[in-house]
N, C-alpha and C. Protein backbone atom coordinates (compact mmCIF):
# COMPACT_ATOMS: atom_id res chain seq x y z
N UNK A 1 0.85 -1.19 0.00
CA UNK A 1 0.00 0.00 0.00
C UNK A 1 0.89 1.25 0.00
N UNK A 2 0.62 2.24 -0.84
CA UNK A 2 1.48 3.43 -0.91
C UNK A 2 1.59 4.13 0.44
N UNK A 3 2.76 4.74 0.70
CA UNK A 3 2.96 5.41 1.97
C UNK A 3 1.98 6.56 2.19
N UNK A 4 1.58 7.22 1.08
CA UNK A 4 0.71 8.38 1.20
C UNK A 4 -0.77 7.99 1.30
N UNK A 5 -1.06 6.67 1.27
CA UNK A 5 -2.45 6.22 1.28
C UNK A 5 -3.11 6.58 2.60
N UNK A 6 -4.21 7.31 2.52
CA UNK A 6 -4.98 7.72 3.71
C UNK A 6 -6.22 6.83 3.76
N UNK A 7 -6.13 5.74 4.50
CA UNK A 7 -7.21 4.78 4.55
C UNK A 7 -8.52 5.36 5.06
N UNK A 8 -8.44 6.16 6.11
CA UNK A 8 -9.66 6.73 6.69
C UNK A 8 -10.35 7.67 5.70
N UNK A 9 -9.56 8.47 5.00
CA UNK A 9 -10.14 9.40 4.01
C UNK A 9 -10.74 8.62 2.84
N UNK A 10 -10.05 7.58 2.43
CA UNK A 10 -10.55 6.77 1.32
C UNK A 10 -11.89 6.12 1.68
N UNK A 11 -11.98 5.57 2.90
CA UNK A 11 -13.23 4.97 3.34
C UNK A 11 -14.35 6.01 3.41
N UNK A 12 -14.02 7.18 3.90
CA UNK A 12 -15.02 8.26 3.99
C UNK A 12 -15.56 8.60 2.61
N UNK A 13 -14.67 8.74 1.63
CA UNK A 13 -15.08 9.08 0.27
C UNK A 13 -15.94 7.97 -0.34
N UNK A 14 -15.52 6.72 -0.13
CA UNK A 14 -16.26 5.59 -0.70
C UNK A 14 -17.64 5.45 -0.05
N UNK A 15 -17.71 5.66 1.23
CA UNK A 15 -19.02 5.58 1.91
C UNK A 15 -19.96 6.68 1.46
N UNK A 16 -19.40 7.86 1.21
CA UNK A 16 -20.23 8.95 0.67
C UNK A 16 -20.75 8.58 -0.72
N UNK A 17 -19.86 8.03 -1.56
CA UNK A 17 -20.26 7.64 -2.92
C UNK A 17 -21.28 6.50 -2.88
N UNK A 18 -21.08 5.53 -1.99
CA UNK A 18 -22.02 4.41 -1.87
C UNK A 18 -23.41 4.92 -1.51
N UNK A 19 -23.48 5.83 -0.55
CA UNK A 19 -24.78 6.38 -0.13
C UNK A 19 -25.40 7.20 -1.27
N UNK A 20 -24.58 7.95 -1.95
CA UNK A 20 -25.05 8.80 -3.07
C UNK A 20 -25.68 7.96 -4.17
N UNK A 21 -24.98 6.93 -4.64
CA UNK A 21 -25.50 6.12 -5.74
C UNK A 21 -26.67 5.24 -5.30
N UNK A 22 -26.63 4.76 -4.06
CA UNK A 22 -27.73 3.92 -3.57
C UNK A 22 -29.02 4.72 -3.50
N UNK A 23 -28.96 5.92 -2.94
CA UNK A 23 -30.18 6.71 -2.77
C UNK A 23 -30.74 7.19 -4.11
N UNK A 24 -29.90 7.29 -5.10
CA UNK A 24 -30.36 7.74 -6.43
C UNK A 24 -30.70 6.57 -7.36
N UNK A 25 -30.56 5.37 -6.86
CA UNK A 25 -30.95 4.20 -7.65
C UNK A 25 -30.05 3.90 -8.82
N UNK A 26 -28.81 4.40 -8.77
CA UNK A 26 -27.86 4.16 -9.86
C UNK A 26 -27.11 2.85 -9.56
N UNK A 27 -27.75 1.74 -9.86
CA UNK A 27 -27.32 0.45 -9.33
C UNK A 27 -25.94 0.01 -9.82
N UNK A 28 -25.63 0.21 -11.12
CA UNK A 28 -24.34 -0.26 -11.61
C UNK A 28 -23.18 0.49 -10.94
N UNK A 29 -23.35 1.82 -10.76
CA UNK A 29 -22.33 2.59 -10.06
C UNK A 29 -22.26 2.17 -8.60
N UNK A 30 -23.42 1.94 -8.00
CA UNK A 30 -23.49 1.54 -6.60
C UNK A 30 -22.74 0.22 -6.37
N UNK A 31 -22.96 -0.74 -7.26
CA UNK A 31 -22.30 -2.03 -7.11
C UNK A 31 -20.78 -1.90 -7.21
N UNK A 32 -20.32 -1.09 -8.16
CA UNK A 32 -18.88 -0.90 -8.30
C UNK A 32 -18.28 -0.26 -7.04
N UNK A 33 -18.99 0.71 -6.48
CA UNK A 33 -18.50 1.36 -5.26
C UNK A 33 -18.54 0.39 -4.08
N UNK A 34 -19.58 -0.44 -4.01
CA UNK A 34 -19.65 -1.45 -2.95
C UNK A 34 -18.43 -2.36 -2.98
N UNK A 35 -18.05 -2.79 -4.19
CA UNK A 35 -16.88 -3.65 -4.32
C UNK A 35 -15.61 -2.92 -3.91
N UNK A 36 -15.46 -1.67 -4.36
CA UNK A 36 -14.28 -0.89 -4.00
C UNK A 36 -14.22 -0.66 -2.49
N UNK A 37 -15.37 -0.40 -1.89
CA UNK A 37 -15.45 -0.19 -0.45
C UNK A 37 -15.04 -1.47 0.28
N UNK A 38 -15.55 -2.60 -0.17
CA UNK A 38 -15.22 -3.88 0.46
C UNK A 38 -13.73 -4.18 0.38
N UNK A 39 -13.13 -3.92 -0.79
CA UNK A 39 -11.72 -4.22 -0.96
C UNK A 39 -10.84 -3.30 -0.11
N UNK A 40 -11.26 -2.05 0.04
CA UNK A 40 -10.52 -1.13 0.90
C UNK A 40 -10.62 -1.58 2.35
N UNK A 41 -11.81 -2.01 2.76
CA UNK A 41 -11.98 -2.52 4.12
C UNK A 41 -11.14 -3.77 4.35
N UNK A 42 -11.07 -4.62 3.35
CA UNK A 42 -10.24 -5.83 3.45
C UNK A 42 -8.77 -5.44 3.63
N UNK A 43 -8.31 -4.49 2.83
CA UNK A 43 -6.93 -4.02 2.94
C UNK A 43 -6.63 -3.48 4.34
N UNK A 44 -7.63 -2.78 4.92
CA UNK A 44 -7.42 -2.10 6.20
C UNK A 44 -7.76 -2.98 7.40
N UNK A 45 -8.20 -4.22 7.14
CA UNK A 45 -8.47 -5.14 8.24
C UNK A 45 -9.85 -5.06 8.84
N UNK A 46 -10.77 -4.34 8.19
CA UNK A 46 -12.17 -4.31 8.65
C UNK A 46 -12.91 -5.45 7.97
N UNK A 47 -12.74 -6.66 8.50
CA UNK A 47 -13.26 -7.84 7.83
C UNK A 47 -14.79 -7.95 7.94
N UNK A 48 -15.34 -7.47 9.04
CA UNK A 48 -16.81 -7.50 9.18
C UNK A 48 -17.45 -6.58 8.15
N UNK A 49 -16.90 -5.39 8.00
CA UNK A 49 -17.42 -4.46 7.00
C UNK A 49 -17.24 -4.98 5.59
N UNK A 50 -16.07 -5.57 5.32
CA UNK A 50 -15.81 -6.12 3.99
C UNK A 50 -16.79 -7.24 3.67
N UNK A 51 -17.07 -8.10 4.64
CA UNK A 51 -18.01 -9.19 4.39
C UNK A 51 -19.39 -8.65 4.08
N UNK A 52 -19.85 -7.69 4.85
CA UNK A 52 -21.18 -7.13 4.64
C UNK A 52 -21.32 -6.54 3.24
N UNK A 53 -20.31 -5.81 2.79
CA UNK A 53 -20.40 -5.15 1.49
C UNK A 53 -20.20 -6.12 0.33
N UNK A 54 -19.34 -7.12 0.50
CA UNK A 54 -19.19 -8.14 -0.54
C UNK A 54 -20.47 -8.96 -0.68
N UNK A 55 -21.08 -9.32 0.43
CA UNK A 55 -22.33 -10.08 0.38
C UNK A 55 -23.44 -9.26 -0.27
N UNK A 56 -23.49 -7.98 0.05
CA UNK A 56 -24.51 -7.11 -0.57
C UNK A 56 -24.32 -7.05 -2.07
N UNK A 57 -23.08 -6.91 -2.51
CA UNK A 57 -22.81 -6.83 -3.95
C UNK A 57 -23.22 -8.13 -4.65
N UNK A 58 -22.93 -9.27 -4.05
CA UNK A 58 -23.29 -10.54 -4.67
C UNK A 58 -24.81 -10.72 -4.72
N UNK A 59 -25.50 -10.30 -3.68
CA UNK A 59 -26.96 -10.44 -3.64
C UNK A 59 -27.64 -9.54 -4.65
N UNK A 60 -27.07 -8.36 -4.86
CA UNK A 60 -27.69 -7.39 -5.76
C UNK A 60 -27.33 -7.62 -7.21
N UNK A 61 -26.21 -8.31 -7.45
CA UNK A 61 -25.70 -8.45 -8.81
C UNK A 61 -26.56 -9.42 -9.61
N UNK A 62 -26.97 -9.02 -10.81
CA UNK A 62 -27.74 -9.89 -11.69
C UNK A 62 -26.86 -10.52 -12.76
N UNK A 63 -25.54 -10.46 -12.54
CA UNK A 63 -24.61 -11.04 -13.50
C UNK A 63 -24.61 -12.56 -13.38
N UNK A 64 -24.11 -13.22 -14.40
CA UNK A 64 -23.97 -14.68 -14.38
C UNK A 64 -23.03 -15.10 -13.26
N UNK A 65 -23.25 -16.32 -12.75
CA UNK A 65 -22.38 -16.87 -11.71
C UNK A 65 -20.95 -17.03 -12.22
N UNK A 66 -20.78 -16.98 -13.55
CA UNK A 66 -19.45 -17.13 -14.14
C UNK A 66 -18.85 -15.79 -14.57
N UNK A 67 -19.48 -14.68 -14.21
CA UNK A 67 -18.89 -13.38 -14.48
C UNK A 67 -17.71 -13.16 -13.55
N UNK A 68 -16.67 -12.49 -14.04
CA UNK A 68 -15.46 -12.35 -13.23
C UNK A 68 -15.69 -11.57 -11.94
N UNK A 69 -16.63 -10.62 -11.95
CA UNK A 69 -16.89 -9.85 -10.73
C UNK A 69 -17.53 -10.73 -9.65
N UNK A 70 -18.40 -11.62 -10.07
CA UNK A 70 -19.02 -12.55 -9.12
C UNK A 70 -17.98 -13.54 -8.60
N UNK A 71 -17.17 -14.08 -9.51
CA UNK A 71 -16.16 -15.07 -9.12
C UNK A 71 -15.14 -14.47 -8.14
N UNK A 72 -14.63 -13.29 -8.48
CA UNK A 72 -13.64 -12.69 -7.59
C UNK A 72 -14.28 -12.23 -6.28
N UNK A 73 -15.57 -11.88 -6.33
CA UNK A 73 -16.28 -11.56 -5.09
C UNK A 73 -16.30 -12.74 -4.14
N UNK A 74 -16.53 -13.93 -4.68
CA UNK A 74 -16.50 -15.14 -3.85
C UNK A 74 -15.10 -15.40 -3.30
N UNK A 75 -14.08 -15.21 -4.14
CA UNK A 75 -12.71 -15.42 -3.65
C UNK A 75 -12.38 -14.44 -2.52
N UNK A 76 -12.79 -13.19 -2.68
CA UNK A 76 -12.55 -12.20 -1.62
C UNK A 76 -13.32 -12.55 -0.35
N UNK A 77 -14.54 -13.05 -0.51
CA UNK A 77 -15.30 -13.49 0.66
C UNK A 77 -14.62 -14.66 1.35
N UNK A 78 -14.00 -15.53 0.59
CA UNK A 78 -13.26 -16.64 1.19
C UNK A 78 -12.13 -16.10 2.06
N UNK A 79 -11.42 -15.08 1.57
CA UNK A 79 -10.34 -14.48 2.35
C UNK A 79 -10.88 -13.84 3.63
N UNK A 80 -12.01 -13.17 3.50
CA UNK A 80 -12.61 -12.53 4.67
C UNK A 80 -13.04 -13.57 5.70
N UNK A 81 -13.69 -14.64 5.23
CA UNK A 81 -14.14 -15.68 6.16
C UNK A 81 -12.97 -16.35 6.86
N UNK A 82 -11.87 -16.54 6.17
CA UNK A 82 -10.68 -17.09 6.82
C UNK A 82 -10.18 -16.15 7.91
N UNK A 83 -10.15 -14.85 7.60
CA UNK A 83 -9.69 -13.87 8.59
C UNK A 83 -10.60 -13.86 9.81
N UNK A 84 -11.89 -14.17 9.61
CA UNK A 84 -12.85 -14.18 10.70
C UNK A 84 -12.94 -15.55 11.38
N UNK A 85 -12.10 -16.50 10.94
CA UNK A 85 -12.06 -17.80 11.58
C UNK A 85 -13.14 -18.77 11.15
N UNK A 86 -13.61 -18.63 9.88
CA UNK A 86 -14.68 -19.50 9.38
C UNK A 86 -14.20 -20.30 8.17
N UNK A 87 -13.37 -21.34 8.38
CA UNK A 87 -12.80 -22.06 7.23
C UNK A 87 -13.83 -22.79 6.37
N UNK A 88 -14.92 -23.27 6.96
CA UNK A 88 -15.92 -23.98 6.16
C UNK A 88 -16.62 -23.03 5.19
N UNK A 89 -17.01 -21.86 5.69
CA UNK A 89 -17.63 -20.87 4.82
C UNK A 89 -16.64 -20.39 3.76
N UNK A 90 -15.38 -20.24 4.15
CA UNK A 90 -14.34 -19.83 3.20
C UNK A 90 -14.22 -20.84 2.07
N UNK A 91 -14.24 -22.13 2.41
CA UNK A 91 -14.12 -23.18 1.40
C UNK A 91 -15.28 -23.14 0.42
N UNK A 92 -16.49 -22.88 0.92
CA UNK A 92 -17.66 -22.81 0.03
C UNK A 92 -17.54 -21.64 -0.93
N UNK A 93 -17.13 -20.49 -0.43
CA UNK A 93 -16.97 -19.33 -1.30
C UNK A 93 -15.85 -19.56 -2.32
N UNK A 94 -14.76 -20.18 -1.85
CA UNK A 94 -13.67 -20.46 -2.80
C UNK A 94 -14.17 -21.35 -3.93
N UNK A 95 -14.90 -22.40 -3.59
CA UNK A 95 -15.39 -23.33 -4.61
C UNK A 95 -16.29 -22.62 -5.62
N UNK A 96 -17.16 -21.72 -5.14
CA UNK A 96 -18.05 -20.99 -6.04
C UNK A 96 -17.25 -20.11 -7.00
N UNK A 97 -16.27 -19.40 -6.48
CA UNK A 97 -15.46 -18.53 -7.33
C UNK A 97 -14.56 -19.31 -8.26
N UNK A 98 -13.93 -20.36 -7.75
CA UNK A 98 -12.99 -21.14 -8.55
C UNK A 98 -13.69 -21.85 -9.70
N UNK A 99 -14.89 -22.36 -9.44
CA UNK A 99 -15.63 -23.06 -10.50
C UNK A 99 -15.92 -22.12 -11.66
N UNK A 100 -16.33 -20.90 -11.35
CA UNK A 100 -16.60 -19.93 -12.40
C UNK A 100 -15.35 -19.54 -13.17
N UNK A 101 -14.24 -19.38 -12.47
CA UNK A 101 -12.99 -19.01 -13.12
C UNK A 101 -12.51 -20.13 -14.04
N UNK A 102 -12.63 -21.37 -13.59
CA UNK A 102 -12.27 -22.51 -14.44
C UNK A 102 -13.18 -22.59 -15.66
N UNK A 103 -14.48 -22.50 -15.42
CA UNK A 103 -15.47 -22.62 -16.49
C UNK A 103 -15.26 -21.55 -17.56
N UNK A 104 -14.91 -20.35 -17.10
CA UNK A 104 -14.74 -19.23 -18.03
C UNK A 104 -13.33 -19.07 -18.56
N UNK A 105 -12.43 -19.98 -18.21
CA UNK A 105 -11.03 -19.89 -18.63
C UNK A 105 -10.46 -18.49 -18.38
N UNK A 106 -10.70 -17.97 -17.18
CA UNK A 106 -10.28 -16.61 -16.83
C UNK A 106 -8.83 -16.64 -16.34
N UNK A 107 -7.89 -16.75 -17.27
CA UNK A 107 -6.49 -16.96 -16.91
C UNK A 107 -5.92 -15.85 -16.04
N UNK A 108 -6.45 -14.63 -16.19
CA UNK A 108 -5.93 -13.51 -15.41
C UNK A 108 -6.23 -13.65 -13.92
N UNK A 109 -7.13 -14.59 -13.56
CA UNK A 109 -7.47 -14.81 -12.15
C UNK A 109 -6.97 -16.14 -11.62
N UNK A 110 -6.15 -16.84 -12.40
CA UNK A 110 -5.66 -18.15 -11.97
C UNK A 110 -4.79 -18.04 -10.71
N UNK A 111 -3.94 -17.03 -10.66
CA UNK A 111 -3.04 -16.89 -9.50
C UNK A 111 -3.86 -16.70 -8.22
N UNK A 112 -4.80 -15.76 -8.25
CA UNK A 112 -5.62 -15.51 -7.07
C UNK A 112 -6.44 -16.73 -6.69
N UNK A 113 -6.91 -17.45 -7.69
CA UNK A 113 -7.72 -18.63 -7.46
C UNK A 113 -6.92 -19.70 -6.71
N UNK A 114 -5.70 -19.97 -7.18
CA UNK A 114 -4.85 -20.96 -6.53
C UNK A 114 -4.40 -20.47 -5.15
N UNK A 115 -4.05 -19.19 -5.06
CA UNK A 115 -3.58 -18.62 -3.81
C UNK A 115 -4.63 -18.73 -2.71
N UNK A 116 -5.85 -18.35 -3.03
CA UNK A 116 -6.91 -18.42 -2.02
C UNK A 116 -7.24 -19.88 -1.70
N UNK A 117 -7.12 -20.75 -2.69
CA UNK A 117 -7.29 -22.18 -2.41
C UNK A 117 -6.26 -22.67 -1.42
N UNK A 118 -5.02 -22.23 -1.57
CA UNK A 118 -3.96 -22.58 -0.62
C UNK A 118 -4.30 -22.09 0.78
N UNK A 119 -4.76 -20.84 0.86
CA UNK A 119 -5.15 -20.28 2.15
C UNK A 119 -6.24 -21.12 2.81
N UNK A 120 -7.22 -21.51 2.02
CA UNK A 120 -8.33 -22.29 2.54
C UNK A 120 -7.87 -23.65 3.05
N UNK A 121 -6.96 -24.29 2.31
CA UNK A 121 -6.44 -25.58 2.74
C UNK A 121 -5.70 -25.45 4.07
N UNK A 122 -4.84 -24.46 4.18
CA UNK A 122 -4.11 -24.26 5.42
C UNK A 122 -5.08 -23.92 6.56
N UNK A 123 -6.05 -23.06 6.26
CA UNK A 123 -7.03 -22.69 7.28
C UNK A 123 -7.84 -23.86 7.78
N UNK A 124 -8.05 -24.85 6.91
CA UNK A 124 -8.82 -26.04 7.29
C UNK A 124 -7.94 -27.15 7.85
N UNK A 125 -6.63 -26.89 7.96
CA UNK A 125 -5.73 -27.88 8.54
C UNK A 125 -5.15 -28.88 7.57
N UNK A 126 -5.33 -28.65 6.26
CA UNK A 126 -4.78 -29.54 5.24
C UNK A 126 -3.42 -28.98 4.80
N UNK A 127 -2.41 -29.22 5.62
CA UNK A 127 -1.14 -28.52 5.45
C UNK A 127 -0.37 -28.95 4.21
N UNK A 128 -0.29 -30.23 3.94
CA UNK A 128 0.47 -30.67 2.76
C UNK A 128 -0.16 -30.15 1.48
N UNK A 129 -1.48 -30.21 1.40
CA UNK A 129 -2.18 -29.70 0.22
C UNK A 129 -1.99 -28.19 0.09
N UNK A 130 -2.06 -27.49 1.23
CA UNK A 130 -1.83 -26.05 1.20
C UNK A 130 -0.44 -25.70 0.71
N UNK A 131 0.56 -26.48 1.15
CA UNK A 131 1.93 -26.24 0.71
C UNK A 131 2.06 -26.46 -0.79
N UNK A 132 1.44 -27.52 -1.31
CA UNK A 132 1.48 -27.76 -2.75
C UNK A 132 0.89 -26.58 -3.52
N UNK A 133 -0.26 -26.10 -3.05
CA UNK A 133 -0.93 -25.01 -3.76
C UNK A 133 -0.16 -23.70 -3.65
N UNK A 134 0.48 -23.47 -2.52
CA UNK A 134 1.33 -22.28 -2.43
C UNK A 134 2.48 -22.37 -3.43
N UNK A 135 3.00 -23.58 -3.64
CA UNK A 135 4.03 -23.76 -4.66
C UNK A 135 3.52 -23.40 -6.04
N UNK A 136 2.30 -23.83 -6.36
CA UNK A 136 1.70 -23.49 -7.65
C UNK A 136 1.54 -21.97 -7.78
N UNK A 137 1.00 -21.34 -6.75
CA UNK A 137 0.77 -19.90 -6.78
C UNK A 137 2.08 -19.14 -6.96
N UNK A 138 3.12 -19.57 -6.25
CA UNK A 138 4.42 -18.91 -6.38
C UNK A 138 4.97 -19.04 -7.80
N UNK A 139 4.82 -20.24 -8.39
CA UNK A 139 5.31 -20.46 -9.75
C UNK A 139 4.55 -19.60 -10.75
N UNK A 140 3.23 -19.53 -10.60
CA UNK A 140 2.42 -18.70 -11.50
C UNK A 140 2.78 -17.23 -11.36
N UNK A 141 3.03 -16.81 -10.13
CA UNK A 141 3.39 -15.41 -9.89
C UNK A 141 4.72 -15.06 -10.55
N UNK A 142 5.69 -15.94 -10.39
CA UNK A 142 7.00 -15.69 -11.02
C UNK A 142 6.90 -15.68 -12.54
N UNK A 143 6.14 -16.62 -13.08
CA UNK A 143 6.03 -16.72 -14.55
C UNK A 143 5.36 -15.50 -15.16
N UNK A 144 4.41 -14.93 -14.43
CA UNK A 144 3.65 -13.79 -14.97
C UNK A 144 4.23 -12.45 -14.56
N UNK A 145 5.05 -12.44 -13.52
CA UNK A 145 5.55 -11.18 -12.98
C UNK A 145 4.53 -10.45 -12.13
N UNK A 146 3.42 -11.12 -11.83
CA UNK A 146 2.34 -10.50 -11.05
C UNK A 146 2.59 -10.69 -9.56
N UNK A 147 2.51 -9.61 -8.82
CA UNK A 147 2.71 -9.68 -7.37
C UNK A 147 1.39 -9.96 -6.66
N UNK A 148 1.50 -10.55 -5.48
CA UNK A 148 0.32 -10.74 -4.65
C UNK A 148 -0.10 -9.40 -4.06
N UNK A 149 -1.41 -9.26 -3.81
CA UNK A 149 -1.90 -8.06 -3.12
C UNK A 149 -1.28 -8.02 -1.71
N UNK A 150 -1.12 -6.82 -1.12
CA UNK A 150 -0.47 -6.74 0.19
C UNK A 150 -1.10 -7.64 1.26
N UNK A 151 -2.43 -7.65 1.36
CA UNK A 151 -3.05 -8.49 2.39
C UNK A 151 -2.89 -9.97 2.08
N UNK A 152 -2.79 -10.31 0.78
CA UNK A 152 -2.55 -11.70 0.41
C UNK A 152 -1.11 -12.11 0.73
N UNK A 153 -0.17 -11.20 0.50
CA UNK A 153 1.23 -11.48 0.82
C UNK A 153 1.40 -11.68 2.32
N UNK A 154 0.70 -10.88 3.11
CA UNK A 154 0.77 -11.03 4.57
C UNK A 154 0.19 -12.36 5.01
N UNK A 155 -0.93 -12.75 4.43
CA UNK A 155 -1.54 -14.03 4.77
C UNK A 155 -0.62 -15.18 4.36
N UNK A 156 0.00 -15.06 3.19
CA UNK A 156 0.92 -16.10 2.73
C UNK A 156 2.06 -16.27 3.71
N UNK A 157 2.67 -15.16 4.15
CA UNK A 157 3.79 -15.26 5.09
C UNK A 157 3.36 -15.91 6.40
N UNK A 158 2.17 -15.56 6.88
CA UNK A 158 1.66 -16.17 8.11
C UNK A 158 1.42 -17.67 7.92
N UNK A 159 0.89 -18.02 6.75
CA UNK A 159 0.63 -19.44 6.47
C UNK A 159 1.92 -20.23 6.34
N UNK A 160 2.96 -19.63 5.79
CA UNK A 160 4.24 -20.33 5.67
C UNK A 160 4.80 -20.67 7.05
N UNK A 161 4.56 -19.81 8.01
CA UNK A 161 4.97 -20.10 9.39
C UNK A 161 4.18 -21.29 9.92
N UNK A 162 2.86 -21.30 9.64
CA UNK A 162 2.01 -22.42 10.05
C UNK A 162 2.52 -23.72 9.42
N UNK A 163 2.84 -23.66 8.13
CA UNK A 163 3.31 -24.85 7.43
C UNK A 163 4.65 -25.34 7.98
N UNK A 164 5.54 -24.43 8.29
CA UNK A 164 6.83 -24.81 8.88
C UNK A 164 6.62 -25.50 10.22
N UNK A 165 5.72 -24.95 11.03
CA UNK A 165 5.44 -25.54 12.34
C UNK A 165 4.78 -26.90 12.22
N UNK A 166 3.92 -27.05 11.22
CA UNK A 166 3.17 -28.31 11.07
C UNK A 166 3.97 -29.39 10.37
N UNK A 167 4.76 -29.01 9.38
CA UNK A 167 5.44 -29.99 8.53
C UNK A 167 6.94 -30.08 8.77
N UNK A 168 7.48 -29.04 9.35
CA UNK A 168 8.93 -28.91 9.44
C UNK A 168 9.43 -28.07 8.27
N UNK A 169 10.50 -27.37 8.48
CA UNK A 169 10.97 -26.42 7.46
C UNK A 169 11.36 -27.13 6.16
N UNK A 170 12.15 -28.18 6.24
CA UNK A 170 12.63 -28.83 5.01
C UNK A 170 11.48 -29.49 4.26
N UNK A 171 10.52 -30.07 4.97
CA UNK A 171 9.39 -30.72 4.31
C UNK A 171 8.47 -29.69 3.67
N UNK A 172 8.26 -28.58 4.36
CA UNK A 172 7.44 -27.51 3.79
C UNK A 172 8.05 -26.98 2.49
N UNK A 173 9.36 -26.76 2.50
CA UNK A 173 10.06 -26.29 1.30
C UNK A 173 9.98 -27.33 0.19
N UNK A 174 10.18 -28.59 0.54
CA UNK A 174 10.15 -29.66 -0.46
C UNK A 174 8.79 -29.77 -1.13
N UNK A 175 7.72 -29.72 -0.33
CA UNK A 175 6.37 -29.86 -0.89
C UNK A 175 6.02 -28.66 -1.75
N UNK A 176 6.41 -27.48 -1.33
CA UNK A 176 6.13 -26.30 -2.15
C UNK A 176 6.88 -26.38 -3.48
N UNK A 177 8.11 -26.88 -3.45
CA UNK A 177 8.87 -27.05 -4.70
C UNK A 177 8.18 -28.08 -5.60
N UNK A 178 7.62 -29.12 -5.01
CA UNK A 178 6.86 -30.11 -5.77
C UNK A 178 5.63 -29.46 -6.40
N UNK A 179 4.99 -28.58 -5.64
CA UNK A 179 3.80 -27.91 -6.14
C UNK A 179 4.09 -27.02 -7.34
N UNK A 180 5.30 -26.51 -7.43
CA UNK A 180 5.66 -25.64 -8.54
C UNK A 180 5.60 -26.37 -9.88
N UNK A 181 5.60 -27.68 -9.85
CA UNK A 181 5.56 -28.47 -11.09
C UNK A 181 4.13 -28.77 -11.53
N UNK A 182 3.14 -28.48 -10.70
CA UNK A 182 1.76 -28.79 -11.05
C UNK A 182 1.20 -27.77 -12.04
N UNK A 183 0.29 -28.22 -12.87
CA UNK A 183 -0.43 -27.31 -13.76
C UNK A 183 -1.60 -26.69 -13.00
N UNK A 184 -2.19 -25.67 -13.60
CA UNK A 184 -3.37 -25.05 -12.98
C UNK A 184 -4.48 -26.08 -12.82
N UNK A 185 -4.73 -26.87 -13.86
CA UNK A 185 -5.80 -27.87 -13.81
C UNK A 185 -5.55 -28.88 -12.70
N UNK A 186 -4.32 -29.32 -12.55
CA UNK A 186 -3.98 -30.27 -11.48
C UNK A 186 -4.18 -29.64 -10.12
N UNK A 187 -3.82 -28.38 -10.00
CA UNK A 187 -3.98 -27.71 -8.70
C UNK A 187 -5.45 -27.55 -8.34
N UNK A 188 -6.30 -27.32 -9.33
CA UNK A 188 -7.71 -27.18 -9.06
C UNK A 188 -8.34 -28.51 -8.65
N UNK A 189 -7.92 -29.61 -9.27
CA UNK A 189 -8.43 -30.92 -8.86
C UNK A 189 -8.03 -31.20 -7.42
N UNK A 190 -6.80 -30.87 -7.08
CA UNK A 190 -6.31 -31.07 -5.72
C UNK A 190 -7.13 -30.23 -4.73
N UNK A 191 -7.30 -28.96 -5.05
CA UNK A 191 -8.01 -28.06 -4.13
C UNK A 191 -9.47 -28.46 -3.97
N UNK A 192 -10.15 -28.74 -5.07
CA UNK A 192 -11.56 -29.13 -4.97
C UNK A 192 -11.70 -30.43 -4.18
N UNK A 193 -10.82 -31.39 -4.44
CA UNK A 193 -10.89 -32.66 -3.73
C UNK A 193 -10.64 -32.49 -2.24
N UNK A 194 -9.73 -31.59 -1.90
CA UNK A 194 -9.40 -31.38 -0.49
C UNK A 194 -10.47 -30.61 0.25
N UNK A 195 -11.01 -29.58 -0.40
CA UNK A 195 -11.94 -28.67 0.28
C UNK A 195 -13.39 -29.12 0.18
N UNK A 196 -13.69 -30.10 -0.65
CA UNK A 196 -15.08 -30.51 -0.82
C UNK A 196 -15.67 -31.09 0.46
N UNK A 197 -14.82 -31.60 1.34
CA UNK A 197 -15.33 -32.17 2.59
C UNK A 197 -15.42 -31.18 3.72
N UNK A 198 -15.05 -29.94 3.47
CA UNK A 198 -15.07 -28.93 4.55
C UNK A 198 -16.49 -28.47 4.87
């Protein structure tokens, strides 16, 4: 996040815009602001607020379940639910978003899809599977040059500590290196198979 970023001012502006568009019935603008508001709250650690606004956007949206805004909304809700200590709900949201991304061949969201899947696996106590998926996400990130979002990078670092404690440092590193060899399709089969029982 930029050093000059004023989170409180940004939230104030977004809340004003959300109220403005909602009261005037300008739904498409309102939905976009709801999403921006939710993502800012997620960045700033207001997970309850982020969940409320992401859920509102999904309920109001008349887009297809395979639209990228709906899919990424579910992935973001998975991150929020993990932060709030709800791994089962996180797994359900991840599955909804991941299925749409796979169905729509939305390659630009593959990294986030695998990354959040890794988070969900670790959050549910599936450490080896989480390590494999983190390996996939790291490989995709390097190949594309795309960086993780700040809150995702922080969650990844915290999860790597969990994996080291659960698996041991050398085993965690070995499994992540093994994961780097998996394809996106293989990683999705692994994640769906692991999280389907959550």
